[in-house]
Amino acid sequence: MSTDIISIVAIVSIVIWSAVSRELVKSSKENDKVKNGRKIITLMYAGALLTLLLTISLFQNIQF
């Protein structure tokens, strides 16, 4: 992958994990935990996939 695409994926991943963090704080204060739980799970799934993509691209670019 090109460096530009990896940079964009990294920025999006940071934004998603920040959103997960905010939702976790918000869910502890609100009563509608089912709706927030689904949103948290969706965000965590997307964040995990992007993190996995970044990890794979990192290991492919390592020079031995």
C-alpha atoms as a PDB file:
ATOM      1  CA  MET A   1       0.000   0.000   0.000  1.00  0.00           C
ATOM      2  CA  SER A   2       1.102   3.529  -0.572  1.00  0.00           C
ATOM      3  CA  THR A   3       2.165   5.761   2.271  1.00  0.00           C
ATOM      4  CA  ASP A   4      -0.745   8.134   1.685  1.00  0.00           C
ATOM      5  CA  ILE A   5      -3.337   5.383   2.094  1.00  0.00           C
ATOM      6  CA  ILE A   6      -1.643   4.067   5.240  1.00  0.00           C
ATOM      7  CA  SER A   7      -1.592   7.593   6.687  1.00  0.00           C
ATOM      8  CA  ILE A   8      -5.300   8.065   5.993  1.00  0.00           C
ATOM      9  CA  VAL A   9      -6.126   4.670   7.529  1.00  0.00           C
ATOM     10  CA  ALA A  10      -4.057   5.574  10.604  1.00  0.00           C
ATOM     11  CA  ILE A  11      -5.893   8.883  11.052  1.00  0.00           C
ATOM     12  CA  VAL A  12      -9.288   7.219  10.633  1.00  0.00           C
ATOM     13  CA  SER A  13      -8.278   4.559  13.150  1.00  0.00           C
ATOM     14  CA  ILE A  14      -7.316   7.221  15.695  1.00  0.00           C
ATOM     15  CA  VAL A  15     -10.655   8.966  15.176  1.00  0.00           C
ATOM     16  CA  ILE A  16     -12.581   5.709  15.619  1.00  0.00           C
ATOM     17  CA  TRP A  17     -10.745   4.746  18.815  1.00  0.00           C
ATOM     18  CA  SER A  18     -11.345   8.260  20.167  1.00  0.00           C
ATOM     19  CA  ALA A  19     -15.053   7.843  19.414  1.00  0.00           C
ATOM     20  CA  VAL A  20     -15.041   4.502  21.262  1.00  0.00           C
ATOM     21  CA  SER A  21     -13.479   6.210  24.254  1.00  0.00           C
ATOM     22  CA  ARG A  22     -16.092   8.993  24.221  1.00  0.00           C
ATOM     23  CA  GLU A  23     -18.950   6.505  23.872  1.00  0.00           C
ATOM     24  CA  LEU A  24     -17.691   4.468  26.819  1.00  0.00           C
ATOM     25  CA  VAL A  25     -17.644   7.562  29.021  1.00  0.00           C
ATOM     26  CA  LYS A  26     -21.064   8.628  27.744  1.00  0.00           C
ATOM     27  CA  SER A  27     -22.592   5.157  28.205  1.00  0.00           C
ATOM     28  CA  SER A  28     -21.696   5.124  31.888  1.00  0.00           C
ATOM     29  CA  LYS A  29     -23.716   8.326  32.353  1.00  0.00           C
ATOM     30  CA  GLU A  30     -26.779   7.521  30.224  1.00  0.00           C
ATOM     31  CA  ASN A  31     -29.625   5.072  30.704  1.00  0.00           C
ATOM     32  CA  ASP A  32     -29.952   3.869  27.085  1.00  0.00           C
ATOM     33  CA  LYS A  33     -27.200   1.260  27.329  1.00  0.00           C
ATOM     34  CA  VAL A  34     -28.526  -1.060  24.599  1.00  0.00           C
ATOM     35  CA  LYS A  35     -28.273   1.594  21.871  1.00  0.00           C
ATOM     36  CA  ASN A  36     -24.864   2.746  23.085  1.00  0.00           C
ATOM     37  CA  GLY A  37     -23.681  -0.857  23.403  1.00  0.00           C
ATOM     38  CA  ARG A  38     -24.424  -1.538  19.750  1.00  0.00           C
ATOM     39  CA  LYS A  39     -22.664   1.659  18.729  1.00  0.00           C
ATOM     40  CA  ILE A  40     -19.621   0.783  20.848  1.00  0.00           C
ATOM     41  CA  ILE A  41     -19.439  -2.729  19.395  1.00  0.00           C
ATOM     42  CA  THR A  42     -19.666  -1.373  15.845  1.00  0.00           C
ATOM     43  CA  LEU A  43     -16.958   1.213  16.476  1.00  0.00           C
ATOM     44  CA  MET A  44     -14.698  -1.330  18.169  1.00  0.00           C
ATOM     45  CA  TYR A  45     -15.138  -3.765  15.268  1.00  0.00           C
ATOM     46  CA  ALA A  46     -14.189  -1.048  12.750  1.00  0.00           C
ATOM     47  CA  GLY A  47     -11.262   0.078  14.892  1.00  0.00           C
ATOM     48  CA  ALA A  48      -9.973  -3.468  15.272  1.00  0.00           C
ATOM     49  CA  LEU A  49     -10.162  -4.077  11.520  1.00  0.00           C
ATOM     50  CA  LEU A  50      -8.279  -0.871  10.746  1.00  0.00           C
ATOM     51  CA  THR A  51      -5.684  -1.638  13.409  1.00  0.00           C
ATOM     52  CA  LEU A  52      -5.219  -5.116  11.936  1.00  0.00           C
ATOM     53  CA  LEU A  53      -4.811  -3.597   8.475  1.00  0.00           C
ATOM     54  CA  LEU A  54      -2.170  -1.184   9.798  1.00  0.00           C
ATOM     55  CA  THR A  55      -0.330  -3.981  11.599  1.00  0.00           C
ATOM     56  CA  ILE A  56      -0.226  -6.167   8.483  1.00  0.00           C
ATOM     57  CA  SER A  57       1.036  -3.311   6.331  1.00  0.00           C
ATOM     58  CA  LEU A  58       3.689  -2.508   8.944  1.00  0.00           C
ATOM     59  CA  PHE A  59       5.012  -6.069   8.977  1.00  0.00           C
ATOM     60  CA  GLN A  60       5.040  -6.198   5.171  1.00  0.00           C
ATOM     61  CA  ASN A  61       7.241  -3.092   5.064  1.00  0.00           C
ATOM     62  CA  ILE A  62       9.828  -4.329   7.600  1.00  0.00           C
ATOM     63  CA  GLN A  63      13.249  -4.906   6.044  1.00  0.00           C
ATOM     64  CA  PHE A  64      15.117  -7.885   7.462  1.00  0.00           C
END
